[in-house]
Amino acid sequence: MTDSTTAPALPSADRLPDAQPVLRMVPMRSDANFHGDVFGGWIMAQVDIAGSLPAVSRANGRVATVAVTSFVFKQPVFVGDLVSFYAKVIATGRTSVTVAVEVYAERIRLDSEVVKVTEATLVYVATDESRQPRPLPDVTAPRVPPLDTLGE
């Protein structure tokens, strides 16, 4: 016999991925509409920055965004959320780097909650000093040092 007074279990909150985020931001009031919902364009700009970081590393230099092949807003982002961006290279071509970006919001309130808010796939092309496409270097070529080691 089941206890009819017990409410069904709620789905557990999303967890942050085990990987290190490439970018973390807290949106401010200027990034939102008058209801406190962060503009989709603000999120898109941050996703482009986050996606470019592994692309720059793989290209060992300058890249340019050439396509956004997928962009899905799954949940709203609010002023004051701690927004974490996770990005990884999922494919490469002769000159291109395709990056998947996942975005999570930590809603820091009385009860902390983590929700996946956005998924996107972007394509970058490696460019030379003249901003013309150039081939990606071999994977064994020396790389641009990670951002967290610059200046040491």
N, C-alpha and C. Protein backbone atom coordinates (compact mmCIF):
# COMPACT_ATOMS: atom_id res chain seq x y z
N MET A 1 0.84 -1.18 0.00
CA MET A 1 0.00 0.00 0.00
C MET A 1 0.88 1.24 0.00
N THR A 2 0.52 2.23 -0.80
CA THR A 2 1.32 3.45 -0.88
C THR A 2 0.69 4.54 -0.03
N ASP A 3 1.53 5.43 0.43
CA ASP A 3 1.08 6.56 1.23
C ASP A 3 0.64 7.68 0.30
N SER A 4 -0.65 7.96 0.24
CA SER A 4 -1.17 8.95 -0.70
C SER A 4 -0.88 10.38 -0.26
N THR A 5 -0.38 10.57 0.95
CA THR A 5 -0.09 11.93 1.42
C THR A 5 1.33 12.37 1.05
N THR A 6 2.14 11.47 0.51
CA THR A 6 3.50 11.82 0.14
C THR A 6 3.51 12.41 -1.26
N ALA A 7 4.08 13.60 -1.37
CA ALA A 7 4.17 14.26 -2.68
C ALA A 7 5.23 13.56 -3.51
N PRO A 8 5.06 13.54 -4.83
CA PRO A 8 6.10 12.95 -5.68
C PRO A 8 7.40 13.74 -5.56
N ALA A 9 8.50 13.03 -5.69
CA ALA A 9 9.80 13.68 -5.59
C ALA A 9 9.99 14.64 -6.75
N LEU A 10 10.52 15.82 -6.43
CA LEU A 10 10.81 16.79 -7.47
C LEU A 10 12.09 16.40 -8.18
N PRO A 11 12.24 16.73 -9.45
CA PRO A 11 13.49 16.42 -10.13
C PRO A 11 14.63 17.19 -9.45
N SER A 12 15.77 16.55 -9.36
CA SER A 12 16.91 17.20 -8.71
C SER A 12 17.41 18.32 -9.60
N ALA A 13 17.98 19.35 -8.96
CA ALA A 13 18.52 20.48 -9.71
C ALA A 13 19.72 20.03 -10.54
N ASP A 14 19.93 20.69 -11.65
CA ASP A 14 21.12 20.42 -12.46
C ASP A 14 22.35 20.68 -11.60
N ARG A 15 23.40 19.99 -11.93
CA ARG A 15 24.68 20.21 -11.26
C ARG A 15 25.62 20.89 -12.23
N LEU A 16 26.56 21.63 -11.68
CA LEU A 16 27.59 22.20 -12.54
C LEU A 16 28.47 21.07 -13.04
N PRO A 17 28.95 21.16 -14.27
CA PRO A 17 29.87 20.13 -14.77
C PRO A 17 31.14 20.06 -13.91
N ASP A 18 31.81 18.92 -13.96
CA ASP A 18 33.04 18.74 -13.19
C ASP A 18 34.19 19.56 -13.77
N ALA A 19 34.09 19.96 -15.03
CA ALA A 19 35.15 20.72 -15.69
C ALA A 19 35.23 22.14 -15.12
N GLN A 20 36.33 22.80 -15.41
CA GLN A 20 36.52 24.19 -15.01
C GLN A 20 35.80 25.10 -16.01
N PRO A 21 35.00 26.06 -15.55
CA PRO A 21 34.37 26.98 -16.51
C PRO A 21 35.42 27.85 -17.19
N VAL A 22 35.19 28.23 -18.44
CA VAL A 22 36.12 29.12 -19.13
C VAL A 22 35.82 30.58 -18.82
N LEU A 23 34.60 30.84 -18.31
CA LEU A 23 34.18 32.20 -18.02
C LEU A 23 33.09 32.16 -16.96
N ARG A 24 33.15 33.10 -16.03
CA ARG A 24 32.08 33.25 -15.03
C ARG A 24 31.73 34.72 -14.93
N MET A 25 30.44 35.03 -14.91
CA MET A 25 29.98 36.41 -14.90
C MET A 25 28.76 36.53 -13.99
N VAL A 26 28.54 37.73 -13.47
CA VAL A 26 27.32 38.06 -12.76
C VAL A 26 26.67 39.21 -13.52
N PRO A 27 25.53 38.96 -14.18
CA PRO A 27 24.89 40.05 -14.91
C PRO A 27 24.36 41.12 -13.97
N MET A 28 24.46 42.35 -14.41
CA MET A 28 24.02 43.51 -13.64
C MET A 28 22.70 44.04 -14.20
N ARG A 29 22.13 45.03 -13.52
CA ARG A 29 20.85 45.60 -13.96
C ARG A 29 20.92 46.16 -15.38
N SER A 30 22.07 46.69 -15.77
CA SER A 30 22.19 47.24 -17.12
C SER A 30 22.16 46.16 -18.20
N ASP A 31 22.29 44.89 -17.80
CA ASP A 31 22.27 43.76 -18.74
C ASP A 31 20.87 43.16 -18.88
N ALA A 32 19.88 43.79 -18.25
CA ALA A 32 18.54 43.19 -18.18
C ALA A 32 17.45 44.18 -18.53
N ASN A 33 16.27 43.63 -18.78
CA ASN A 33 15.11 44.48 -19.00
C ASN A 33 14.53 44.93 -17.65
N PHE A 34 13.45 45.69 -17.67
CA PHE A 34 12.92 46.23 -16.41
C PHE A 34 12.29 45.17 -15.52
N HIS A 35 12.11 43.93 -16.02
CA HIS A 35 11.60 42.83 -15.20
C HIS A 35 12.73 42.07 -14.51
N GLY A 36 13.98 42.38 -14.86
CA GLY A 36 15.13 41.69 -14.27
C GLY A 36 15.59 40.48 -15.06
N ASP A 37 15.01 40.26 -16.24
CA ASP A 37 15.45 39.17 -17.11
C ASP A 37 16.62 39.65 -17.96
N VAL A 38 17.72 38.90 -17.95
CA VAL A 38 18.90 39.29 -18.70
C VAL A 38 18.63 39.17 -20.20
N PHE A 39 19.08 40.16 -20.95
CA PHE A 39 18.89 40.17 -22.40
C PHE A 39 19.57 38.96 -23.05
N GLY A 40 18.89 38.33 -24.00
CA GLY A 40 19.48 37.23 -24.74
C GLY A 40 20.74 37.64 -25.47
N GLY A 41 20.80 38.87 -25.94
CA GLY A 41 21.98 39.37 -26.63
C GLY A 41 23.21 39.42 -25.72
N TRP A 42 22.99 39.72 -24.45
CA TRP A 42 24.11 39.72 -23.48
C TRP A 42 24.64 38.30 -23.33
N ILE A 43 23.73 37.34 -23.21
CA ILE A 43 24.15 35.94 -23.08
C ILE A 43 24.87 35.50 -24.35
N MET A 44 24.36 35.88 -25.51
CA MET A 44 25.00 35.50 -26.78
C MET A 44 26.42 36.06 -26.87
N ALA A 45 26.61 37.29 -26.44
CA ALA A 45 27.95 37.89 -26.48
C ALA A 45 28.92 37.13 -25.56
N GLN A 46 28.45 36.77 -24.37
CA GLN A 46 29.32 36.05 -23.43
C GLN A 46 29.62 34.64 -23.96
N VAL A 47 28.63 34.00 -24.60
CA VAL A 47 28.84 32.68 -25.20
C VAL A 47 29.90 32.77 -26.29
N ASP A 48 29.86 33.82 -27.10
CA ASP A 48 30.86 34.00 -28.16
C ASP A 48 32.26 34.16 -27.56
N ILE A 49 32.38 34.93 -26.49
CA ILE A 49 33.67 35.09 -25.82
C ILE A 49 34.14 33.75 -25.25
N ALA A 50 33.24 33.06 -24.54
CA ALA A 50 33.60 31.77 -23.94
C ALA A 50 34.01 30.75 -25.00
N GLY A 51 33.29 30.70 -26.10
CA GLY A 51 33.61 29.76 -27.17
C GLY A 51 34.93 30.08 -27.85
N SER A 52 35.27 31.35 -27.90
CA SER A 52 36.52 31.73 -28.57
C SER A 52 37.76 31.29 -27.80
N LEU A 53 37.65 31.11 -26.50
CA LEU A 53 38.84 30.76 -25.70
C LEU A 53 39.44 29.41 -26.08
N PRO A 54 38.68 28.31 -26.14
CA PRO A 54 39.30 27.07 -26.62
C PRO A 54 39.64 27.12 -28.11
N ALA A 55 38.89 27.92 -28.88
CA ALA A 55 39.21 28.04 -30.31
C ALA A 55 40.56 28.73 -30.50
N VAL A 56 40.83 29.78 -29.74
CA VAL A 56 42.12 30.48 -29.81
C VAL A 56 43.24 29.53 -29.42
N SER A 57 43.00 28.75 -28.38
CA SER A 57 44.02 27.79 -27.94
C SER A 57 44.31 26.77 -29.02
N ARG A 58 43.26 26.21 -29.63
CA ARG A 58 43.46 25.19 -30.68
C ARG A 58 44.08 25.80 -31.93
N ALA A 59 43.69 27.03 -32.28
CA ALA A 59 44.22 27.68 -33.47
C ALA A 59 45.60 28.28 -33.22
N ASN A 60 45.97 28.35 -31.95
CA ASN A 60 47.25 28.95 -31.56
C ASN A 60 47.35 30.39 -32.08
N GLY A 61 46.25 31.13 -31.92
CA GLY A 61 46.26 32.52 -32.35
C GLY A 61 44.86 33.02 -32.66
N ARG A 62 44.82 34.07 -33.42
CA ARG A 62 43.59 34.79 -33.74
C ARG A 62 42.55 33.88 -34.40
N VAL A 63 41.29 34.10 -34.01
CA VAL A 63 40.15 33.44 -34.66
C VAL A 63 39.04 34.46 -34.87
N ALA A 64 38.13 34.14 -35.77
CA ALA A 64 36.94 34.96 -36.01
C ALA A 64 35.73 34.04 -35.99
N THR A 65 34.64 34.51 -35.42
CA THR A 65 33.39 33.75 -35.42
C THR A 65 32.82 33.79 -36.83
N VAL A 66 32.52 32.61 -37.39
CA VAL A 66 31.94 32.57 -38.74
C VAL A 66 30.52 32.03 -38.76
N ALA A 67 30.13 31.30 -37.70
CA ALA A 67 28.77 30.76 -37.68
C ALA A 67 28.34 30.41 -36.26
N VAL A 68 27.07 30.58 -36.04
CA VAL A 68 26.42 30.05 -34.84
C VAL A 68 25.44 29.02 -35.39
N THR A 69 25.79 27.74 -35.22
CA THR A 69 24.97 26.70 -35.85
C THR A 69 23.81 26.26 -34.97
N SER A 70 23.90 26.58 -33.69
CA SER A 70 22.82 26.21 -32.77
C SER A 70 22.88 27.15 -31.57
N PHE A 71 21.72 27.59 -31.11
CA PHE A 71 21.66 28.43 -29.91
C PHE A 71 20.29 28.23 -29.29
N VAL A 72 20.24 27.66 -28.09
CA VAL A 72 18.97 27.38 -27.44
C VAL A 72 18.97 28.00 -26.05
N PHE A 73 17.97 28.85 -25.80
CA PHE A 73 17.76 29.40 -24.46
C PHE A 73 16.80 28.45 -23.75
N LYS A 74 17.29 27.79 -22.70
CA LYS A 74 16.50 26.78 -22.01
C LYS A 74 15.76 27.35 -20.79
N GLN A 75 16.38 28.31 -20.11
CA GLN A 75 15.81 28.93 -18.91
C GLN A 75 16.23 30.40 -18.90
N PRO A 76 15.48 31.26 -18.23
CA PRO A 76 15.91 32.66 -18.14
C PRO A 76 17.11 32.81 -17.20
N VAL A 77 17.84 33.89 -17.41
CA VAL A 77 18.92 34.29 -16.51
C VAL A 77 18.47 35.59 -15.86
N PHE A 78 18.73 35.72 -14.55
CA PHE A 78 18.29 36.88 -13.81
C PHE A 78 19.46 37.69 -13.30
N VAL A 79 19.22 38.97 -13.08
CA VAL A 79 20.24 39.82 -12.46
C VAL A 79 20.66 39.17 -11.15
N GLY A 80 21.97 39.08 -10.93
CA GLY A 80 22.48 38.50 -9.69
C GLY A 80 22.82 37.03 -9.77
N ASP A 81 22.39 36.33 -10.83
CA ASP A 81 22.79 34.93 -11.00
C ASP A 81 24.30 34.87 -11.24
N LEU A 82 24.94 33.83 -10.74
CA LEU A 82 26.34 33.57 -11.10
C LEU A 82 26.29 32.65 -12.31
N VAL A 83 26.73 33.16 -13.46
CA VAL A 83 26.59 32.46 -14.72
C VAL A 83 27.95 31.88 -15.12
N SER A 84 27.99 30.55 -15.32
CA SER A 84 29.22 29.84 -15.67
C SER A 84 29.12 29.30 -17.09
N PHE A 85 30.18 29.51 -17.86
CA PHE A 85 30.23 29.12 -19.27
C PHE A 85 31.28 28.02 -19.43
N TYR A 86 30.87 26.89 -19.98
CA TYR A 86 31.76 25.75 -20.21
C TYR A 86 31.87 25.54 -21.71
N ALA A 87 33.09 25.46 -22.22
CA ALA A 87 33.28 25.35 -23.67
C ALA A 87 34.32 24.30 -23.99
N LYS A 88 34.08 23.57 -25.08
CA LYS A 88 35.07 22.57 -25.53
C LYS A 88 35.01 22.44 -27.04
N VAL A 89 36.18 22.17 -27.61
CA VAL A 89 36.28 21.93 -29.04
C VAL A 89 35.66 20.58 -29.34
N ILE A 90 34.74 20.55 -30.32
CA ILE A 90 34.10 19.28 -30.66
C ILE A 90 34.45 18.81 -32.07
N ALA A 91 35.02 19.72 -32.89
CA ALA A 91 35.43 19.34 -34.25
C ALA A 91 36.40 20.38 -34.79
N THR A 92 37.23 19.93 -35.72
CA THR A 92 38.13 20.86 -36.42
C THR A 92 38.11 20.52 -37.90
N GLY A 93 38.37 21.53 -38.70
CA GLY A 93 38.53 21.36 -40.14
C GLY A 93 39.92 21.85 -40.51
N ARG A 94 40.12 22.19 -41.76
CA ARG A 94 41.43 22.69 -42.18
C ARG A 94 41.72 24.05 -41.54
N THR A 95 40.71 24.94 -41.51
CA THR A 95 40.88 26.27 -40.91
C THR A 95 39.90 26.54 -39.78
N SER A 96 38.94 25.64 -39.57
CA SER A 96 37.85 25.92 -38.64
C SER A 96 37.92 25.10 -37.35
N VAL A 97 37.32 25.69 -36.32
CA VAL A 97 37.21 25.05 -35.01
C VAL A 97 35.75 25.18 -34.58
N THR A 98 35.11 24.04 -34.30
CA THR A 98 33.72 24.05 -33.82
C THR A 98 33.74 23.82 -32.32
N VAL A 99 33.01 24.68 -31.61
CA VAL A 99 33.03 24.67 -30.14
C VAL A 99 31.60 24.54 -29.62
N ALA A 100 31.42 23.66 -28.63
CA ALA A 100 30.13 23.55 -27.93
C ALA A 100 30.25 24.33 -26.63
N VAL A 101 29.23 25.11 -26.33
CA VAL A 101 29.21 25.91 -25.10
C VAL A 101 27.94 25.58 -24.33
N GLU A 102 28.11 25.31 -23.04
CA GLU A 102 26.97 25.11 -22.13
C GLU A 102 27.04 26.18 -21.06
N VAL A 103 25.87 26.72 -20.71
CA VAL A 103 25.81 27.81 -19.75
C VAL A 103 24.90 27.41 -18.60
N TYR A 104 25.39 27.61 -17.38
CA TYR A 104 24.63 27.30 -16.17
C TYR A 104 24.50 28.54 -15.32
N ALA A 105 23.36 28.69 -14.65
CA ALA A 105 23.15 29.80 -13.72
C ALA A 105 23.00 29.23 -12.32
N GLU A 106 23.73 29.81 -11.40
CA GLU A 106 23.56 29.48 -9.98
C GLU A 106 22.71 30.60 -9.40
N ARG A 107 21.54 30.23 -8.99
CA ARG A 107 20.62 31.20 -8.41
C ARG A 107 20.89 31.21 -6.90
N ILE A 108 21.63 32.20 -6.48
CA ILE A 108 22.04 32.27 -5.08
C ILE A 108 20.97 33.07 -4.33
N ARG A 109 20.09 32.35 -3.71
CA ARG A 109 19.03 32.95 -2.92
C ARG A 109 18.94 32.17 -1.62
N LEU A 110 17.80 32.11 -0.99
CA LEU A 110 17.68 31.33 0.24
C LEU A 110 18.01 29.87 -0.01
N ASP A 111 17.46 29.33 -1.09
CA ASP A 111 17.81 27.97 -1.51
C ASP A 111 18.60 28.09 -2.80
N SER A 112 19.86 27.65 -2.77
CA SER A 112 20.69 27.72 -3.96
C SER A 112 20.17 26.72 -5.00
N GLU A 113 20.17 27.15 -6.25
CA GLU A 113 19.67 26.31 -7.33
C GLU A 113 20.61 26.46 -8.52
N VAL A 114 20.86 25.37 -9.23
CA VAL A 114 21.68 25.40 -10.44
C VAL A 114 20.80 24.95 -11.59
N VAL A 115 20.78 25.76 -12.66
CA VAL A 115 20.00 25.39 -13.84
C VAL A 115 20.83 25.61 -15.09
N LYS A 116 20.65 24.69 -16.03
CA LYS A 116 21.27 24.86 -17.35
C LYS A 116 20.40 25.84 -18.11
N VAL A 117 21.01 26.95 -18.55
CA VAL A 117 20.21 28.00 -19.16
C VAL A 117 20.38 28.12 -20.68
N THR A 118 21.52 27.69 -21.19
CA THR A 118 21.77 27.86 -22.63
C THR A 118 22.71 26.78 -23.14
N GLU A 119 22.50 26.37 -24.39
CA GLU A 119 23.42 25.50 -25.13
C GLU A 119 23.65 26.14 -26.48
N ALA A 120 24.89 26.10 -26.94
CA ALA A 120 25.18 26.69 -28.25
C ALA A 120 26.33 25.96 -28.91
N THR A 121 26.36 26.03 -30.23
CA THR A 121 27.48 25.52 -31.02
C THR A 121 27.90 26.63 -31.97
N LEU A 122 29.20 26.95 -31.92
CA LEU A 122 29.74 28.03 -32.74
C LEU A 122 30.91 27.53 -33.55
N VAL A 123 31.13 28.17 -34.70
CA VAL A 123 32.26 27.82 -35.56
C VAL A 123 33.14 29.05 -35.69
N TYR A 124 34.43 28.84 -35.46
CA TYR A 124 35.43 29.90 -35.59
C TYR A 124 36.39 29.50 -36.70
N VAL A 125 37.00 30.49 -37.35
CA VAL A 125 38.02 30.21 -38.34
C VAL A 125 39.32 30.87 -37.87
N ALA A 126 40.42 30.14 -38.02
CA ALA A 126 41.73 30.69 -37.68
C ALA A 126 42.10 31.71 -38.74
N THR A 127 42.64 32.86 -38.31
CA THR A 127 43.00 33.91 -39.26
C THR A 127 44.44 34.36 -39.03
N ASP A 128 45.03 34.89 -40.10
CA ASP A 128 46.40 35.40 -40.01
C ASP A 128 46.37 36.89 -39.65
N GLU A 129 47.55 37.55 -39.73
CA GLU A 129 47.65 38.97 -39.38
C GLU A 129 46.79 39.86 -40.28
N SER A 130 46.53 39.38 -41.50
CA SER A 130 45.69 40.13 -42.45
C SER A 130 44.23 39.76 -42.31
N ARG A 131 43.92 38.98 -41.30
CA ARG A 131 42.56 38.51 -41.01
C ARG A 131 42.00 37.64 -42.13
N GLN A 132 42.89 36.92 -42.79
CA GLN A 132 42.50 35.95 -43.82
C GLN A 132 42.58 34.56 -43.22
N PRO A 133 41.73 33.62 -43.69
CA PRO A 133 41.78 32.26 -43.14
C PRO A 133 43.17 31.64 -43.29
N ARG A 134 43.58 30.88 -42.28
CA ARG A 134 44.85 30.17 -42.32
C ARG A 134 44.63 28.76 -41.78
N PRO A 135 45.46 27.81 -42.20
CA PRO A 135 45.31 26.44 -41.70
C PRO A 135 45.58 26.36 -40.20
N LEU A 136 44.89 25.45 -39.55
CA LEU A 136 45.17 25.19 -38.13
C LEU A 136 46.54 24.54 -38.01
N PRO A 137 47.27 24.84 -36.96
CA PRO A 137 48.56 24.17 -36.76
C PRO A 137 48.35 22.71 -36.37
N ASP A 138 49.41 21.91 -36.55
CA ASP A 138 49.35 20.53 -36.07
C ASP A 138 49.09 20.55 -34.56
N VAL A 139 48.50 19.50 -34.07
CA VAL A 139 48.19 19.44 -32.63
C VAL A 139 49.48 19.43 -31.80
N THR A 140 50.57 19.02 -32.37
CA THR A 140 51.83 18.95 -31.63
C THR A 140 52.61 20.26 -31.65
N ALA A 141 52.11 21.27 -32.40
CA ALA A 141 52.81 22.56 -32.48
C ALA A 141 52.74 23.26 -31.12
N PRO A 142 53.74 24.11 -30.81
CA PRO A 142 53.68 24.88 -29.55
C PRO A 142 52.41 25.70 -29.51
N ARG A 143 51.84 25.83 -28.35
CA ARG A 143 50.56 26.49 -28.18
C ARG A 143 50.70 27.82 -27.45
N VAL A 144 49.68 28.68 -27.64
CA VAL A 144 49.56 29.89 -26.83
C VAL A 144 49.35 29.42 -25.40
N PRO A 145 50.07 29.98 -24.42
CA PRO A 145 49.88 29.52 -23.04
C PRO A 145 48.46 29.79 -22.55
N PRO A 146 47.95 28.95 -21.65
CA PRO A 146 46.61 29.19 -21.10
C PRO A 146 46.54 30.57 -20.46
N LEU A 147 45.36 31.17 -20.48
CA LEU A 147 45.18 32.53 -19.96
C LEU A 147 45.60 32.65 -18.50
N ASP A 148 45.40 31.59 -17.70
CA ASP A 148 45.72 31.70 -16.27
C ASP A 148 47.22 31.66 -15.99
N THR A 149 48.05 31.40 -17.00
CA THR A 149 49.51 31.38 -16.77
C THR A 149 50.19 32.59 -17.40
N LEU A 150 49.45 33.43 -18.10
CA LEU A 150 50.05 34.62 -18.71
C LEU A 150 50.51 35.58 -17.61
N GLY A 151 51.65 36.16 -17.79
CA GLY A 151 52.17 37.13 -16.83
C GLY A 151 52.92 36.53 -15.67
N GLU A 152 53.10 35.20 -15.66
CA GLU A 152 53.86 34.58 -14.57
C GLU A 152 55.33 34.61 -14.86
